[in-house]
Amino acid sequence: MINLLPPDLKSEYKFAGRNSRLLRVLGGFGIGIVGLVVIVAAGFFYLQLSASQYKGQVEDLRQSLNEHNQAEIGKQVQEISGRLKLAVDVLSNQVLYSEFLKQLAVVTPNGVGLTSVNIAEYGGALDITAGATDYESATQLHVNLTDPENGIFENADIVNIGCNPSSTGQYPCVVSIRALFSTDNPFLMINDSKAGAGR
């Protein structure tokens, strides 16, 4: 088929076809960019929504913990742990306390009254606190506790002695002693033969 159109008209048709294809390509790019913007916006909105939901959940959990009084629960746990540690200390020391306290009363001199006997922080020792009528009675308690013939303690150190002459109580002096059990103490359960005799 012979094209008898003038050359100018042929050029116009040719450029019109190219322009039409170019417009279709640009339209496709435009649609793609719009789609990409929509996807990014949707993703951003989803992230914001998720963050808001998680923030709400965290706040709900925090309120729930506060309602259950977390501090009080922690305090109770610490108290239980302290009691458990005390029980473990007593069992690990394996002391026949009923017999031991009788012997401790025997070695306590006149003019001294025991006020407390506590397990020390490290094993095998006791903190003993007593009231005394005077300084000499307080030091006599220390001498009696360290007497090897008693066989109770390997060593005893005076932590503190204080006297208040103006005190109107029966015991104006207070003495604190930390005593370490002797390894052959007859009141230790690990010494089976002696413990059996002590019972």
N, C-alpha and C. Protein backbone atom coordinates (compact mmCIF):
# COMPACT_ATOMS: atom_id res chain seq x y z
N MET A 1 0.85 -1.17 0.00
CA MET A 1 0.00 0.00 0.00
C MET A 1 0.89 1.23 0.00
N ILE A 2 0.55 2.12 -0.84
CA ILE A 2 1.38 3.30 -1.03
C ILE A 2 0.79 4.43 -0.20
N ASN A 3 1.64 5.06 0.60
CA ASN A 3 1.22 6.19 1.44
C ASN A 3 1.44 7.47 0.65
N LEU A 4 0.30 8.09 0.28
CA LEU A 4 0.37 9.28 -0.54
C LEU A 4 0.20 10.56 0.27
N LEU A 5 0.29 10.44 1.63
CA LEU A 5 0.13 11.64 2.47
C LEU A 5 1.36 12.53 2.33
N PRO A 6 1.14 13.82 2.52
CA PRO A 6 2.28 14.74 2.44
C PRO A 6 3.29 14.43 3.56
N PRO A 7 4.56 14.72 3.33
CA PRO A 7 5.59 14.45 4.34
C PRO A 7 5.33 15.12 5.68
N ASP A 8 4.79 16.36 5.67
CA ASP A 8 4.53 17.06 6.95
C ASP A 8 3.48 16.33 7.77
N LEU A 9 2.45 15.84 7.07
CA LEU A 9 1.37 15.15 7.76
C LEU A 9 1.87 13.80 8.29
N LYS A 10 2.76 13.17 7.52
CA LYS A 10 3.35 11.91 7.99
C LYS A 10 4.14 12.12 9.28
N SER A 11 4.91 13.21 9.32
CA SER A 11 5.70 13.49 10.53
C SER A 11 4.80 13.74 11.72
N GLU A 12 3.69 14.47 11.48
CA GLU A 12 2.78 14.76 12.59
C GLU A 12 2.17 13.48 13.15
N TYR A 13 1.79 12.55 12.26
CA TYR A 13 1.22 11.27 12.71
C TYR A 13 2.28 10.46 13.50
N LYS A 14 3.49 10.50 12.97
CA LYS A 14 4.56 9.75 13.62
C LYS A 14 4.81 10.26 15.04
N PHE A 15 4.92 11.62 15.20
CA PHE A 15 5.15 12.20 16.53
C PHE A 15 3.93 12.03 17.44
N ALA A 16 2.74 12.04 16.84
CA ALA A 16 1.52 11.83 17.64
C ALA A 16 1.54 10.43 18.26
N GLY A 17 1.97 9.43 17.45
CA GLY A 17 2.06 8.06 17.98
C GLY A 17 3.08 7.96 19.11
N ARG A 18 4.22 8.61 18.92
CA ARG A 18 5.23 8.58 19.98
C ARG A 18 4.73 9.26 21.25
N ASN A 19 4.07 10.42 21.06
CA ASN A 19 3.53 11.14 22.23
C ASN A 19 2.50 10.28 22.96
N SER A 20 1.69 9.56 22.20
CA SER A 20 0.66 8.71 22.81
C SER A 20 1.32 7.61 23.65
N ARG A 21 2.37 6.96 23.12
CA ARG A 21 3.08 5.93 23.89
C ARG A 21 3.75 6.51 25.13
N LEU A 22 4.36 7.71 24.97
CA LEU A 22 5.03 8.37 26.09
C LEU A 22 4.05 8.71 27.20
N LEU A 23 2.87 9.18 26.80
CA LEU A 23 1.84 9.51 27.79
C LEU A 23 1.39 8.26 28.55
N ARG A 24 1.27 7.11 27.83
CA ARG A 24 0.87 5.87 28.50
C ARG A 24 1.94 5.44 29.51
N VAL A 25 3.25 5.58 29.11
CA VAL A 25 4.34 5.22 30.04
C VAL A 25 4.33 6.13 31.26
N LEU A 26 4.18 7.44 31.04
CA LEU A 26 4.13 8.38 32.17
C LEU A 26 2.93 8.12 33.07
N GLY A 27 1.81 7.76 32.44
CA GLY A 27 0.62 7.42 33.24
C GLY A 27 0.86 6.19 34.12
N GLY A 28 1.55 5.19 33.53
CA GLY A 28 1.89 4.00 34.32
C GLY A 28 2.79 4.32 35.49
N PHE A 29 3.82 5.18 35.22
CA PHE A 29 4.69 5.60 36.32
C PHE A 29 3.90 6.34 37.40
N GLY A 30 3.01 7.21 36.98
CA GLY A 30 2.20 7.97 37.94
C GLY A 30 1.36 7.07 38.82
N ILE A 31 0.72 6.07 38.16
CA ILE A 31 -0.10 5.12 38.93
C ILE A 31 0.77 4.33 39.92
N GLY A 32 1.97 3.93 39.46
CA GLY A 32 2.88 3.20 40.34
C GLY A 32 3.30 4.03 41.54
N ILE A 33 3.60 5.31 41.30
CA ILE A 33 4.01 6.19 42.42
C ILE A 33 2.86 6.36 43.40
N VAL A 34 1.63 6.56 42.86
CA VAL A 34 0.46 6.71 43.73
C VAL A 34 0.26 5.44 44.57
N GLY A 35 0.41 4.27 43.94
CA GLY A 35 0.28 3.00 44.66
C GLY A 35 1.32 2.87 45.76
N LEU A 36 2.56 3.25 45.44
CA LEU A 36 3.63 3.19 46.43
C LEU A 36 3.34 4.11 47.61
N VAL A 37 2.85 5.30 47.34
CA VAL A 37 2.51 6.24 48.42
C VAL A 37 1.40 5.66 49.29
N VAL A 38 0.40 5.04 48.64
CA VAL A 38 -0.70 4.44 49.41
C VAL A 38 -0.17 3.31 50.31
N ILE A 39 0.73 2.46 49.78
CA ILE A 39 1.28 1.35 50.58
C ILE A 39 2.08 1.88 51.76
N VAL A 40 2.93 2.90 51.52
CA VAL A 40 3.72 3.48 52.61
C VAL A 40 2.82 4.09 53.67
N ALA A 41 1.78 4.80 53.24
CA ALA A 41 0.86 5.43 54.20
C ALA A 41 0.13 4.37 55.02
N ALA A 42 -0.29 3.27 54.33
CA ALA A 42 -0.99 2.20 55.05
C ALA A 42 -0.05 1.54 56.07
N GLY A 43 1.22 1.30 55.67
CA GLY A 43 2.18 0.71 56.60
C GLY A 43 2.43 1.60 57.80
N PHE A 44 2.58 2.91 57.56
CA PHE A 44 2.80 3.85 58.66
C PHE A 44 1.60 3.87 59.61
N PHE A 45 0.39 3.87 59.04
CA PHE A 45 -0.82 3.86 59.86
C PHE A 45 -0.89 2.58 60.70
N TYR A 46 -0.53 1.42 60.09
CA TYR A 46 -0.55 0.15 60.82
C TYR A 46 0.45 0.15 61.97
N LEU A 47 1.65 0.70 61.72
CA LEU A 47 2.65 0.78 62.78
C LEU A 47 2.17 1.65 63.94
N GLN A 48 1.57 2.79 63.59
CA GLN A 48 1.05 3.68 64.63
C GLN A 48 -0.04 2.99 65.44
N LEU A 49 -0.91 2.26 64.74
CA LEU A 49 -1.99 1.56 65.42
C LEU A 49 -1.44 0.47 66.34
N SER A 50 -0.45 -0.30 65.87
CA SER A 50 0.16 -1.36 66.68
C SER A 50 0.85 -0.77 67.91
N ALA A 51 1.60 0.33 67.70
CA ALA A 51 2.29 0.97 68.82
C ALA A 51 1.30 1.45 69.86
N SER A 52 0.18 2.00 69.41
CA SER A 52 -0.83 2.48 70.34
C SER A 52 -1.44 1.32 71.13
N GLN A 53 -1.69 0.18 70.43
CA GLN A 53 -2.25 -0.99 71.12
C GLN A 53 -1.27 -1.54 72.16
N TYR A 54 0.02 -1.66 71.79
CA TYR A 54 1.02 -2.16 72.74
C TYR A 54 1.18 -1.22 73.93
N LYS A 55 1.11 0.07 73.66
CA LYS A 55 1.21 1.05 74.75
C LYS A 55 0.06 0.87 75.72
N GLY A 56 -1.14 0.63 75.17
CA GLY A 56 -2.30 0.39 76.03
C GLY A 56 -2.15 -0.87 76.85
N GLN A 57 -1.60 -1.94 76.24
CA GLN A 57 -1.39 -3.18 76.97
C GLN A 57 -0.38 -3.01 78.10
N VAL A 58 0.70 -2.27 77.82
CA VAL A 58 1.71 -2.01 78.86
C VAL A 58 1.09 -1.23 80.02
N GLU A 59 0.27 -0.25 79.70
CA GLU A 59 -0.36 0.55 80.75
C GLU A 59 -1.32 -0.31 81.58
N ASP A 60 -2.05 -1.21 80.89
CA ASP A 60 -2.95 -2.12 81.62
C ASP A 60 -2.18 -3.03 82.56
N LEU A 61 -1.02 -3.57 82.08
CA LEU A 61 -0.21 -4.43 82.94
C LEU A 61 0.34 -3.67 84.14
N ARG A 62 0.76 -2.42 83.90
CA ARG A 62 1.29 -1.62 85.00
C ARG A 62 0.21 -1.36 86.06
N GLN A 63 -0.98 -1.05 85.61
CA GLN A 63 -2.07 -0.82 86.55
C GLN A 63 -2.41 -2.11 87.31
N SER A 64 -2.36 -3.24 86.58
CA SER A 64 -2.65 -4.52 87.23
C SER A 64 -1.63 -4.83 88.32
N LEU A 65 -0.34 -4.56 88.03
CA LEU A 65 0.71 -4.78 89.04
C LEU A 65 0.52 -3.86 90.23
N ASN A 66 0.17 -2.62 89.96
CA ASN A 66 -0.05 -1.68 91.06
C ASN A 66 -1.24 -2.11 91.90
N GLU A 67 -2.28 -2.64 91.24
CA GLU A 67 -3.46 -3.08 91.98
C GLU A 67 -3.13 -4.28 92.87
N HIS A 68 -2.22 -5.11 92.42
CA HIS A 68 -1.84 -6.27 93.22
C HIS A 68 -0.76 -5.92 94.24
N ASN A 69 -0.45 -4.64 94.33
CA ASN A 69 0.49 -4.15 95.34
C ASN A 69 1.82 -4.88 95.26
N GLN A 70 2.53 -4.61 94.19
CA GLN A 70 3.80 -5.29 93.93
C GLN A 70 4.80 -5.10 95.08
N ALA A 71 4.83 -3.89 95.65
CA ALA A 71 5.78 -3.63 96.73
C ALA A 71 5.50 -4.52 97.94
N GLU A 72 4.21 -4.69 98.25
CA GLU A 72 3.84 -5.52 99.41
C GLU A 72 4.22 -6.98 99.17
N ILE A 73 4.00 -7.44 97.93
CA ILE A 73 4.36 -8.83 97.60
C ILE A 73 5.87 -9.01 97.72
N GLY A 74 6.64 -8.02 97.21
CA GLY A 74 8.10 -8.12 97.32
C GLY A 74 8.55 -8.16 98.77
N LYS A 75 7.88 -7.38 99.63
CA LYS A 75 8.24 -7.37 101.05
C LYS A 75 7.95 -8.73 101.68
N GLN A 76 6.81 -9.32 101.33
CA GLN A 76 6.46 -10.63 101.88
C GLN A 76 7.46 -11.69 101.42
N VAL A 77 7.87 -11.60 100.15
CA VAL A 77 8.86 -12.55 99.64
C VAL A 77 10.17 -12.43 100.41
N GLN A 78 10.59 -11.18 100.70
CA GLN A 78 11.83 -10.98 101.46
C GLN A 78 11.71 -11.54 102.87
N GLU A 79 10.53 -11.35 103.50
CA GLU A 79 10.34 -11.88 104.85
C GLU A 79 10.40 -13.41 104.85
N ILE A 80 9.76 -14.01 103.86
CA ILE A 80 9.77 -15.47 103.77
C ILE A 80 11.20 -15.97 103.52
N SER A 81 11.93 -15.25 102.65
CA SER A 81 13.31 -15.63 102.38
C SER A 81 14.15 -15.54 103.64
N GLY A 82 13.93 -14.48 104.45
CA GLY A 82 14.67 -14.33 105.69
C GLY A 82 14.38 -15.46 106.67
N ARG A 83 13.11 -15.85 106.76
CA ARG A 83 12.75 -16.96 107.66
C ARG A 83 13.36 -18.28 107.18
N LEU A 84 13.33 -18.46 105.85
CA LEU A 84 13.91 -19.68 105.30
C LEU A 84 15.41 -19.73 105.57
N LYS A 85 16.09 -18.58 105.42
CA LYS A 85 17.53 -18.52 105.68
C LYS A 85 17.82 -18.86 107.15
N LEU A 86 16.99 -18.32 108.05
CA LEU A 86 17.16 -18.62 109.48
C LEU A 86 17.00 -20.11 109.74
N ALA A 87 15.97 -20.73 109.13
CA ALA A 87 15.75 -22.16 109.33
C ALA A 87 16.94 -22.96 108.80
N VAL A 88 17.45 -22.56 107.63
CA VAL A 88 18.60 -23.26 107.05
C VAL A 88 19.82 -23.10 107.96
N ASP A 89 20.02 -21.89 108.51
CA ASP A 89 21.15 -21.66 109.41
C ASP A 89 21.04 -22.55 110.65
N VAL A 90 19.84 -22.62 111.21
CA VAL A 90 19.66 -23.44 112.41
C VAL A 90 19.95 -24.91 112.10
N LEU A 91 19.41 -25.38 110.97
CA LEU A 91 19.62 -26.78 110.62
C LEU A 91 21.08 -27.07 110.28
N SER A 92 21.73 -26.10 109.60
CA SER A 92 23.12 -26.33 109.21
C SER A 92 24.03 -26.33 110.44
N ASN A 93 23.69 -25.52 111.44
CA ASN A 93 24.49 -25.53 112.67
C ASN A 93 24.24 -26.78 113.50
N GLN A 94 23.05 -27.38 113.36
CA GLN A 94 22.71 -28.64 114.02
C GLN A 94 23.02 -28.61 115.52
N VAL A 95 22.44 -27.63 116.18
CA VAL A 95 22.69 -27.47 117.62
C VAL A 95 21.48 -27.97 118.40
N LEU A 96 21.74 -28.71 119.47
CA LEU A 96 20.69 -29.12 120.39
C LEU A 96 20.42 -27.94 121.33
N TYR A 97 19.56 -27.04 120.89
CA TYR A 97 19.40 -25.77 121.59
C TYR A 97 18.83 -25.93 122.99
N SER A 98 17.94 -26.87 123.21
CA SER A 98 17.37 -27.01 124.55
C SER A 98 18.47 -27.34 125.56
N GLU A 99 19.36 -28.28 125.19
CA GLU A 99 20.46 -28.64 126.09
C GLU A 99 21.49 -27.53 126.17
N PHE A 100 21.72 -26.88 125.04
CA PHE A 100 22.71 -25.80 125.01
C PHE A 100 22.30 -24.63 125.91
N LEU A 101 21.02 -24.26 125.87
CA LEU A 101 20.55 -23.13 126.68
C LEU A 101 20.65 -23.45 128.18
N LYS A 102 20.43 -24.72 128.52
CA LYS A 102 20.60 -25.10 129.93
C LYS A 102 22.05 -24.88 130.37
N GLN A 103 22.99 -25.33 129.54
CA GLN A 103 24.40 -25.17 129.88
C GLN A 103 24.80 -23.70 129.89
N LEU A 104 24.23 -22.92 128.97
CA LEU A 104 24.53 -21.48 128.94
C LEU A 104 24.05 -20.81 130.23
N ALA A 105 22.91 -21.24 130.72
CA ALA A 105 22.41 -20.69 131.99
C ALA A 105 23.33 -21.06 133.14
N VAL A 106 23.91 -22.27 133.09
CA VAL A 106 24.81 -22.72 134.17
C VAL A 106 26.06 -21.84 134.20
N VAL A 107 26.62 -21.47 133.04
CA VAL A 107 27.88 -20.71 133.03
C VAL A 107 27.65 -19.21 133.17
N THR A 108 26.38 -18.77 133.20
CA THR A 108 26.10 -17.35 133.38
C THR A 108 26.32 -16.98 134.84
N PRO A 109 27.19 -16.02 135.14
CA PRO A 109 27.50 -15.69 136.55
C PRO A 109 26.35 -14.94 137.22
N ASN A 110 26.42 -14.87 138.55
CA ASN A 110 25.45 -14.07 139.30
C ASN A 110 25.59 -12.60 138.91
N GLY A 111 24.47 -11.91 138.90
CA GLY A 111 24.49 -10.50 138.54
C GLY A 111 24.41 -10.28 137.04
N VAL A 112 24.16 -11.34 136.26
CA VAL A 112 24.04 -11.22 134.80
C VAL A 112 22.74 -11.90 134.37
N GLY A 113 22.00 -11.23 133.50
CA GLY A 113 20.78 -11.80 132.94
C GLY A 113 20.84 -11.78 131.42
N LEU A 114 20.73 -12.96 130.78
CA LEU A 114 20.76 -13.04 129.31
C LEU A 114 19.50 -12.39 128.74
N THR A 115 19.69 -11.57 127.74
CA THR A 115 18.54 -10.91 127.10
C THR A 115 18.27 -11.43 125.70
N SER A 116 19.31 -11.87 124.97
CA SER A 116 19.09 -12.46 123.64
C SER A 116 20.25 -13.34 123.24
N VAL A 117 19.91 -14.39 122.49
CA VAL A 117 20.90 -15.28 121.89
C VAL A 117 20.49 -15.45 120.43
N ASN A 118 21.31 -14.93 119.51
CA ASN A 118 20.96 -14.94 118.08
C ASN A 118 22.05 -15.61 117.26
N ILE A 119 21.62 -16.27 116.20
CA ILE A 119 22.58 -16.86 115.26
C ILE A 119 23.26 -15.73 114.50
N ALA A 120 24.57 -15.78 114.43
CA ALA A 120 25.32 -14.75 113.71
C ALA A 120 25.15 -14.94 112.21
N GLU A 121 25.58 -13.94 111.44
CA GLU A 121 25.42 -13.98 109.99
C GLU A 121 26.21 -15.11 109.36
N TYR A 122 27.33 -15.46 109.93
CA TYR A 122 28.11 -16.58 109.40
C TYR A 122 27.93 -17.77 110.32
N GLY A 123 28.07 -18.97 109.79
CA GLY A 123 27.76 -20.19 110.52
C GLY A 123 28.69 -20.45 111.68
N GLY A 124 28.13 -21.18 112.69
CA GLY A 124 28.94 -21.64 113.80
C GLY A 124 29.17 -20.62 114.89
N ALA A 125 28.44 -19.51 114.87
CA ALA A 125 28.66 -18.47 115.89
C ALA A 125 27.32 -17.97 116.41
N LEU A 126 27.36 -17.43 117.63
CA LEU A 126 26.17 -16.83 118.25
C LEU A 126 26.50 -15.42 118.71
N ASP A 127 25.50 -14.55 118.64
CA ASP A 127 25.59 -13.22 119.24
C ASP A 127 24.79 -13.27 120.53
N ILE A 128 25.49 -13.03 121.64
CA ILE A 128 24.87 -13.10 122.96
C ILE A 128 24.84 -11.70 123.56
N THR A 129 23.67 -11.31 124.03
CA THR A 129 23.51 -10.00 124.69
C THR A 129 22.97 -10.25 126.10
N ALA A 130 23.53 -9.54 127.07
CA ALA A 130 23.12 -9.73 128.46
C ALA A 130 23.17 -8.41 129.22
N GLY A 131 22.35 -8.34 130.27
CA GLY A 131 22.42 -7.21 131.19
C GLY A 131 23.22 -7.62 132.41
N ALA A 132 23.94 -6.67 133.01
CA ALA A 132 24.79 -6.99 134.17
C ALA A 132 24.65 -5.89 135.21
N THR A 133 24.85 -6.30 136.45
CA THR A 133 24.75 -5.33 137.55
C THR A 133 25.95 -4.39 137.58
N ASP A 134 27.11 -4.86 137.10
CA ASP A 134 28.29 -4.01 137.06
C ASP A 134 29.26 -4.50 135.98
N TYR A 135 30.33 -3.75 135.79
CA TYR A 135 31.31 -4.06 134.74
C TYR A 135 31.98 -5.41 135.00
N GLU A 136 32.28 -5.71 136.25
CA GLU A 136 32.96 -6.96 136.58
C GLU A 136 32.10 -8.17 136.24
N SER A 137 30.81 -8.08 136.51
CA SER A 137 29.91 -9.20 136.18
C SER A 137 29.84 -9.41 134.67
N ALA A 138 29.85 -8.31 133.92
CA ALA A 138 29.80 -8.40 132.47
C ALA A 138 31.05 -9.10 131.93
N THR A 139 32.22 -8.72 132.46
CA THR A 139 33.45 -9.36 131.99
C THR A 139 33.55 -10.80 132.47
N GLN A 140 32.93 -11.12 133.61
CA GLN A 140 32.95 -12.50 134.11
C GLN A 140 32.17 -13.42 133.17
N LEU A 141 31.11 -12.90 132.57
CA LEU A 141 30.38 -13.70 131.59
C LEU A 141 31.30 -14.09 130.43
N HIS A 142 32.10 -13.14 129.98
CA HIS A 142 33.03 -13.42 128.89
C HIS A 142 34.05 -14.49 129.31
N VAL A 143 34.57 -14.37 130.53
CA VAL A 143 35.54 -15.34 131.04
C VAL A 143 34.91 -16.73 131.09
N ASN A 144 33.68 -16.83 131.59
CA ASN A 144 33.02 -18.13 131.71
C ASN A 144 32.77 -18.76 130.34
N LEU A 145 32.40 -17.94 129.35
CA LEU A 145 32.11 -18.48 128.02
C LEU A 145 33.36 -19.02 127.35
N THR A 146 34.51 -18.41 127.63
CA THR A 146 35.76 -18.85 126.99
C THR A 146 36.49 -19.92 127.79
N ASP A 147 35.96 -20.31 128.95
CA ASP A 147 36.60 -21.34 129.78
C ASP A 147 36.59 -22.67 129.03
N PRO A 148 37.77 -23.27 128.76
CA PRO A 148 37.83 -24.54 128.01
C PRO A 148 37.11 -25.69 128.70
N GLU A 149 36.98 -25.63 130.01
CA GLU A 149 36.32 -26.71 130.72
C GLU A 149 34.83 -26.78 130.40
N ASN A 150 34.24 -25.67 130.04
CA ASN A 150 32.82 -25.67 129.66
C ASN A 150 32.62 -26.36 128.32
N GLY A 151 33.61 -26.27 127.43
CA GLY A 151 33.56 -26.97 126.15
C GLY A 151 32.48 -26.49 125.20
N ILE A 152 31.97 -25.28 125.43
CA ILE A 152 30.90 -24.79 124.56
C ILE A 152 31.47 -24.03 123.37
N PHE A 153 32.32 -23.05 123.70
CA PHE A 153 32.82 -22.16 122.65
C PHE A 153 34.33 -22.28 122.50
N GLU A 154 34.75 -22.19 121.27
CA GLU A 154 36.18 -22.19 120.97
C GLU A 154 36.78 -20.82 121.23
N ASN A 155 35.98 -19.80 120.97
CA ASN A 155 36.47 -18.42 121.13
C ASN A 155 35.26 -17.52 121.38
N ALA A 156 35.46 -16.43 122.10
CA ALA A 156 34.40 -15.46 122.32
C ALA A 156 35.03 -14.07 122.38
N ASP A 157 34.45 -13.14 121.66
CA ASP A 157 34.95 -11.76 121.62
C ASP A 157 33.89 -10.81 122.16
N ILE A 158 34.35 -9.88 123.00
CA ILE A 158 33.44 -8.85 123.49
C ILE A 158 33.25 -7.84 122.37
N VAL A 159 32.01 -7.68 121.96
CA VAL A 159 31.68 -6.69 120.93
C VAL A 159 31.52 -5.32 121.57
N ASN A 160 30.85 -5.29 122.74
CA ASN A 160 30.60 -4.00 123.39
C ASN A 160 30.21 -4.22 124.85
N ILE A 161 30.70 -3.34 125.70
CA ILE A 161 30.24 -3.28 127.10
C ILE A 161 29.94 -1.81 127.39
N GLY A 162 28.75 -1.56 127.89
CA GLY A 162 28.38 -0.19 128.25
C GLY A 162 27.63 -0.17 129.56
N CYS A 163 27.99 0.77 130.43
CA CYS A 163 27.33 0.89 131.73
C CYS A 163 26.75 2.29 131.88
N ASN A 164 25.57 2.35 132.45
CA ASN A 164 24.90 3.63 132.70
C ASN A 164 24.62 3.73 134.20
N PRO A 165 25.51 4.39 134.94
CA PRO A 165 25.36 4.43 136.41
C PRO A 165 24.06 5.07 136.88
N SER A 166 23.48 5.93 136.06
CA SER A 166 22.24 6.61 136.46
C SER A 166 21.00 5.76 136.18
N SER A 167 21.19 4.57 135.61
CA SER A 167 20.05 3.71 135.28
C SER A 167 19.40 3.20 136.56
N THR A 168 18.08 3.17 136.57
CA THR A 168 17.33 2.68 137.74
C THR A 168 16.95 1.22 137.59
N GLY A 169 17.29 0.60 136.46
CA GLY A 169 16.94 -0.79 136.23
C GLY A 169 17.83 -1.74 137.01
N GLN A 170 17.49 -3.02 136.96
CA GLN A 170 18.25 -4.04 137.67
C GLN A 170 19.64 -4.21 137.09
N TYR A 171 19.77 -4.03 135.77
CA TYR A 171 21.04 -4.23 135.07
C TYR A 171 21.47 -2.94 134.37
N PRO A 172 22.27 -2.11 135.02
CA PRO A 172 22.70 -0.86 134.39
C PRO A 172 23.75 -1.07 133.29
N CYS A 173 24.34 -2.25 133.22
CA CYS A 173 25.35 -2.52 132.19
C CYS A 173 24.80 -3.49 131.15
N VAL A 174 25.27 -3.31 129.91
CA VAL A 174 24.88 -4.20 128.82
C VAL A 174 26.15 -4.69 128.15
N VAL A 175 26.23 -6.00 127.91
CA VAL A 175 27.40 -6.60 127.26
C VAL A 175 26.94 -7.38 126.03
N SER A 176 27.68 -7.22 124.93
CA SER A 176 27.42 -7.99 123.71
C SER A 176 28.66 -8.82 123.39
N ILE A 177 28.45 -10.10 123.16
CA ILE A 177 29.56 -11.03 122.91
C ILE A 177 29.25 -11.87 121.68
N ARG A 178 30.24 -12.03 120.82
CA ARG A 178 30.11 -12.96 119.69
C ARG A 178 30.98 -14.17 119.99
N ALA A 179 30.34 -15.35 120.04
CA ALA A 179 31.04 -16.57 120.44
C ALA A 179 30.98 -17.59 119.31
N LEU A 180 32.12 -18.27 119.09
CA LEU A 180 32.25 -19.29 118.05
C LEU A 180 32.21 -20.67 118.69
N PHE A 181 31.30 -21.52 118.20
CA PHE A 181 31.16 -22.86 118.76
C PHE A 181 32.46 -23.65 118.65
N SER A 182 32.74 -24.42 119.68
CA SER A 182 33.87 -25.34 119.64
C SER A 182 33.52 -26.54 118.76
N THR A 183 34.52 -27.08 118.06
CA THR A 183 34.26 -28.21 117.15
C THR A 183 33.86 -29.47 117.91
N ASP A 184 34.29 -29.59 119.17
CA ASP A 184 33.90 -30.76 119.96
C ASP A 184 32.81 -30.41 120.97
N ASN A 185 32.02 -29.42 120.65
CA ASN A 185 30.90 -29.00 121.49
C ASN A 185 29.93 -30.18 121.67
N PRO A 186 29.60 -30.53 122.91
CA PRO A 186 28.70 -31.68 123.13
C PRO A 186 27.27 -31.41 122.70
N PHE A 187 26.97 -30.17 122.32
CA PHE A 187 25.60 -29.84 121.94
C PHE A 187 25.42 -29.76 120.43
N LEU A 188 26.46 -30.15 119.67
CA LEU A 188 26.34 -30.22 118.21
C LEU A 188 25.91 -31.61 117.82
N MET A 189 24.88 -31.70 116.97
CA MET A 189 24.36 -33.01 116.57
C MET A 189 25.36 -33.80 115.75
N ILE A 190 26.34 -33.11 115.15
CA ILE A 190 27.30 -33.84 114.32
C ILE A 190 28.25 -34.68 115.18
N ASN A 191 28.34 -34.34 116.48
CA ASN A 191 29.12 -35.17 117.39
C ASN A 191 28.17 -36.21 117.99
N ASP A 192 27.92 -37.27 117.27
CA ASP A 192 26.84 -38.20 117.60
C ASP A 192 26.94 -38.77 119.01
N SER A 193 28.13 -39.20 119.41
CA SER A 193 28.26 -39.85 120.70
C SER A 193 27.95 -38.88 121.83
N LYS A 194 28.47 -37.64 121.68
CA LYS A 194 28.24 -36.65 122.75
C LYS A 194 26.82 -36.16 122.72
N ALA A 195 26.28 -36.01 121.52
CA ALA A 195 24.90 -35.53 121.42
C ALA A 195 23.95 -36.54 122.04
N GLY A 196 24.22 -37.83 121.81
CA GLY A 196 23.37 -38.85 122.40
C GLY A 196 23.43 -38.82 123.90
N ALA A 197 24.63 -38.56 124.44
CA ALA A 197 24.76 -38.48 125.90
C ALA A 197 24.06 -37.26 126.43
N GLY A 198 24.11 -36.15 125.60
CA GLY A 198 23.50 -34.91 126.07
C GLY A 198 22.00 -34.99 126.11
N ARG A 199 21.41 -35.83 125.26
CA ARG A 199 19.97 -35.94 125.27
C ARG A 199 19.51 -36.73 126.47
